[in-house]
Amino acid sequence: MAIGTQDGTGTEYFFERALNETVPRCVLFNGTDEGKTVPRVRKTLPVGWLNTASQYKTVLFVGRIEADKGIRIFIDAVLGVLSSGVNGVRAIIVGSGSLLMK
């Protein structure tokens, strides 16, 4: 399931070109749309994730992977938590952007 915002960033264009046509998608105006129901999709997680789900706190970043969206702040924060000795934290980054090319 892909959920995107219609905030002028070309979500529909990205969906058409980057997602497999079988991937369910929902576009919300600026991230919220109380009048629109987000479709529910049952997705099976990899076995390793199911077996360890209760052992981890998951921190999720979803957005363009660019400095102005705070990706470096997110990474620095996660690294700070991990280097402080905290165990049981898993970070997931979902997105696309120019920093992927550097």
Protein backbone atom coordinates (compact mmCIF):
# COMPACT_ATOMS: atom_id res chain seq x y z
CA MET A 1 0.00 0.00 0.00
CA ALA A 2 1.39 3.40 -0.95
CA ILE A 3 -0.08 6.53 0.62
CA GLY A 4 1.01 9.88 -0.76
CA THR A 5 0.15 13.51 -0.26
CA GLN A 6 -1.09 15.85 -2.93
CA ASP A 7 0.98 18.86 -1.95
CA GLY A 8 2.50 19.85 -5.26
CA THR A 9 5.30 17.29 -5.22
CA GLY A 10 3.92 15.14 -8.03
CA THR A 11 2.70 12.16 -6.03
CA GLU A 12 0.50 10.87 -8.82
CA TYR A 13 3.38 11.17 -11.31
CA PHE A 14 5.65 9.25 -8.95
CA PHE A 15 3.04 6.56 -8.35
CA GLU A 16 2.49 6.04 -12.09
CA ARG A 17 6.17 5.64 -12.82
CA ALA A 18 7.63 4.05 -9.70
CA LEU A 19 5.02 1.63 -8.42
CA ASN A 20 4.00 -1.69 -9.83
CA GLU A 21 0.46 -1.38 -11.16
CA THR A 22 -0.74 -3.97 -8.64
CA VAL A 23 0.27 -1.83 -5.64
CA PRO A 24 -2.80 -0.27 -4.02
CA ARG A 25 -2.45 3.50 -3.64
CA CYS A 26 -4.19 6.38 -1.99
CA VAL A 27 -3.51 10.09 -2.48
CA LEU A 28 -4.57 12.44 0.31
CA PHE A 29 -4.68 16.22 0.16
CA ASN A 30 -1.72 17.51 2.24
CA GLY A 31 -1.61 14.27 4.19
CA THR A 32 -5.15 14.34 5.52
CA ASP A 33 -8.58 13.99 4.08
CA GLU A 34 -11.23 13.23 6.66
CA GLY A 35 -13.81 12.55 3.97
CA LYS A 36 -11.72 9.87 2.27
CA THR A 37 -11.26 6.39 3.67
CA VAL A 38 -7.81 4.91 3.22
CA PRO A 39 -8.20 1.41 1.79
CA ARG A 40 -7.02 -1.40 4.03
CA VAL A 41 -4.58 -3.90 2.60
CA ARG A 42 -3.60 -7.12 4.29
CA LYS A 43 0.11 -7.57 3.78
CA THR A 44 2.22 -10.42 5.02
CA LEU A 45 5.45 -9.29 6.63
CA PRO A 46 8.68 -11.25 6.23
CA VAL A 47 8.91 -14.06 8.78
CA GLY A 48 11.94 -12.47 10.47
CA TRP A 49 9.92 -9.33 11.17
CA LEU A 50 7.02 -11.22 12.65
CA ASN A 51 9.31 -13.17 14.92
CA THR A 52 11.03 -10.03 16.25
CA ALA A 53 8.19 -7.50 16.21
CA SER A 54 7.71 -7.51 19.97
CA GLN A 55 11.46 -7.09 20.56
CA TYR A 56 11.84 -3.75 18.74
CA LYS A 57 10.53 -0.23 18.82
CA THR A 58 10.30 0.84 15.19
CA VAL A 59 11.00 4.42 14.16
CA LEU A 60 9.74 5.24 10.67
CA PHE A 61 10.70 8.05 8.29
CA VAL A 62 8.47 8.44 5.25
CA GLY A 63 9.19 11.29 2.86
CA ARG A 64 11.55 12.61 0.26
CA ILE A 65 15.08 11.71 1.22
CA GLU A 66 16.38 15.25 1.08
CA ALA A 67 17.91 17.58 3.63
CA ASP A 68 14.95 19.97 3.66
CA LYS A 69 12.65 17.12 4.70
CA GLY A 70 14.77 16.32 7.75
CA ILE A 71 16.36 13.03 6.72
CA ARG A 72 19.76 13.99 8.15
CA ILE A 73 18.16 15.00 11.43
CA PHE A 74 16.34 11.67 11.51
CA ILE A 75 19.51 9.69 10.82
CA ASP A 76 21.51 11.66 13.40
CA ALA A 77 18.79 11.08 15.98
CA VAL A 78 18.66 7.34 15.32
CA LEU A 79 22.46 7.07 15.44
CA GLY A 80 22.46 9.05 18.68
CA VAL A 81 19.96 6.67 20.25
CA LEU A 82 21.89 3.61 19.08
CA SER A 83 25.28 4.95 20.17
CA SER A 84 23.89 5.75 23.62
CA GLY A 85 23.51 2.02 24.20
CA VAL A 86 19.74 1.74 23.81
CA ASN A 87 18.81 -1.68 22.49
CA GLY A 88 15.73 -2.85 20.66
CA VAL A 89 15.37 0.03 18.18
CA ARG A 90 14.80 -0.50 14.47
CA ALA A 91 14.78 2.39 11.98
CA ILE A 92 13.05 2.20 8.61
CA ILE A 93 13.41 4.84 5.90
CA VAL A 94 10.91 4.93 3.04
CA GLY A 95 11.19 7.45 0.24
CA SER A 96 13.07 8.68 -2.77
CA GLY A 97 15.20 11.69 -3.45
CA SER A 98 18.44 13.21 -4.63
CA LEU A 99 20.45 12.11 -1.57
CA LEU A 100 20.14 8.54 -2.82
CA MET A 101 22.41 9.48 -5.71
CA LYS A 102 25.19 10.91 -3.55
